[in-house]
Amino acid sequence: MCPFKLGVTVKEREFCKGFIIIVDYLMHEILKLQHLLKWLHLFIEPRITRCMYWLFAFSHALEMCVVIWWSIFI
């Protein structure tokens, strides 16, 4: 169980845990897509690289959301 600041309600804790689970799942799926795009990039046009950059930016934004979210509660 993760440590939380004093004064955080049970409802907020459960929401935070659910949020982290969802973000973790999204990160896992993004990594799978990045891996697939990396292989497709070898066989298809280099335009796929643009998709890879967008996925990387999105995954980085999700990571920052998690960092900010945990800094609020921990």
Protein backbone atom coordinates (compact mmCIF):
# COMPACT_ATOMS: atom_id res chain seq x y z
CA MET A 1 0.00 0.00 0.00
CA CYS A 2 1.28 3.45 -0.86
CA PRO A 3 1.86 6.06 1.82
CA PHE A 4 -0.48 9.04 1.66
CA LYS A 5 -0.46 12.45 3.30
CA LEU A 6 -2.58 12.93 6.38
CA GLY A 7 -6.04 14.25 5.67
CA VAL A 8 -6.52 12.34 2.44
CA THR A 9 -9.89 10.61 2.42
CA VAL A 10 -10.40 6.95 1.60
CA LYS A 11 -12.34 7.94 -1.52
CA GLU A 12 -9.39 10.03 -2.74
CA ARG A 13 -6.99 7.16 -2.05
CA GLU A 14 -9.11 4.69 -4.01
CA PHE A 15 -9.43 7.16 -6.89
CA CYS A 16 -5.67 7.66 -6.88
CA LYS A 17 -5.04 3.90 -6.98
CA GLY A 18 -7.51 3.48 -9.84
CA PHE A 19 -5.90 6.34 -11.73
CA ILE A 20 -2.46 4.75 -11.38
CA ILE A 21 -3.77 1.37 -12.57
CA ILE A 22 -5.34 2.96 -15.66
CA VAL A 23 -2.20 4.96 -16.47
CA ASP A 24 -0.04 1.87 -15.99
CA TYR A 25 -2.24 -0.05 -18.44
CA LEU A 26 -2.07 2.81 -20.97
CA MET A 27 1.72 2.98 -20.66
CA HIS A 28 1.95 -0.77 -21.29
CA GLU A 29 -0.22 -0.50 -24.40
CA ILE A 30 1.77 2.49 -25.68
CA LEU A 31 5.02 0.57 -25.28
CA LYS A 32 3.55 -2.32 -27.28
CA LEU A 33 2.48 0.12 -30.02
CA GLN A 34 5.91 1.73 -30.08
CA HIS A 35 7.53 -1.68 -30.45
CA LEU A 36 5.16 -2.59 -33.30
CA LEU A 37 5.76 0.74 -35.04
CA LYS A 38 9.50 0.27 -34.72
CA TRP A 39 9.25 -3.01 -36.64
CA LEU A 40 6.82 -1.56 -39.19
CA HIS A 41 9.20 1.33 -39.72
CA LEU A 42 11.72 -1.13 -41.16
CA PHE A 43 9.29 -2.28 -43.84
CA ILE A 44 7.02 0.67 -44.50
CA GLU A 45 7.49 4.36 -45.16
CA PRO A 46 9.41 6.49 -42.66
CA ARG A 47 6.23 8.49 -41.99
CA ILE A 48 5.56 6.02 -39.20
CA THR A 49 8.34 7.77 -37.31
CA ARG A 50 5.95 10.69 -36.78
CA CYS A 51 3.51 8.32 -35.03
CA MET A 52 6.34 7.03 -32.87
CA TYR A 53 7.17 10.58 -31.78
CA TRP A 54 3.51 11.27 -30.93
CA LEU A 55 3.30 8.06 -28.89
CA PHE A 56 6.51 8.95 -27.08
CA ALA A 57 5.18 12.43 -26.29
CA PHE A 58 1.88 10.99 -25.05
CA SER A 59 3.60 8.40 -22.86
CA HIS A 60 5.86 11.11 -21.42
CA ALA A 61 2.81 13.25 -20.65
CA LEU A 62 1.20 10.29 -18.85
CA GLU A 63 4.35 9.78 -16.80
CA MET A 64 4.31 13.45 -15.79
CA CYS A 65 0.64 13.13 -14.79
CA VAL A 66 1.57 10.26 -12.47
CA VAL A 67 4.45 12.22 -10.96
CA ILE A 68 2.25 15.26 -10.34
CA TRP A 69 -0.61 13.11 -9.03
CA TRP A 70 1.62 11.29 -6.54
CA SER A 71 3.25 14.53 -5.41
CA ILE A 72 -0.20 15.75 -4.38
CA PHE A 73 -0.97 12.71 -2.24
CA ILE A 74 2.45 11.65 -0.92
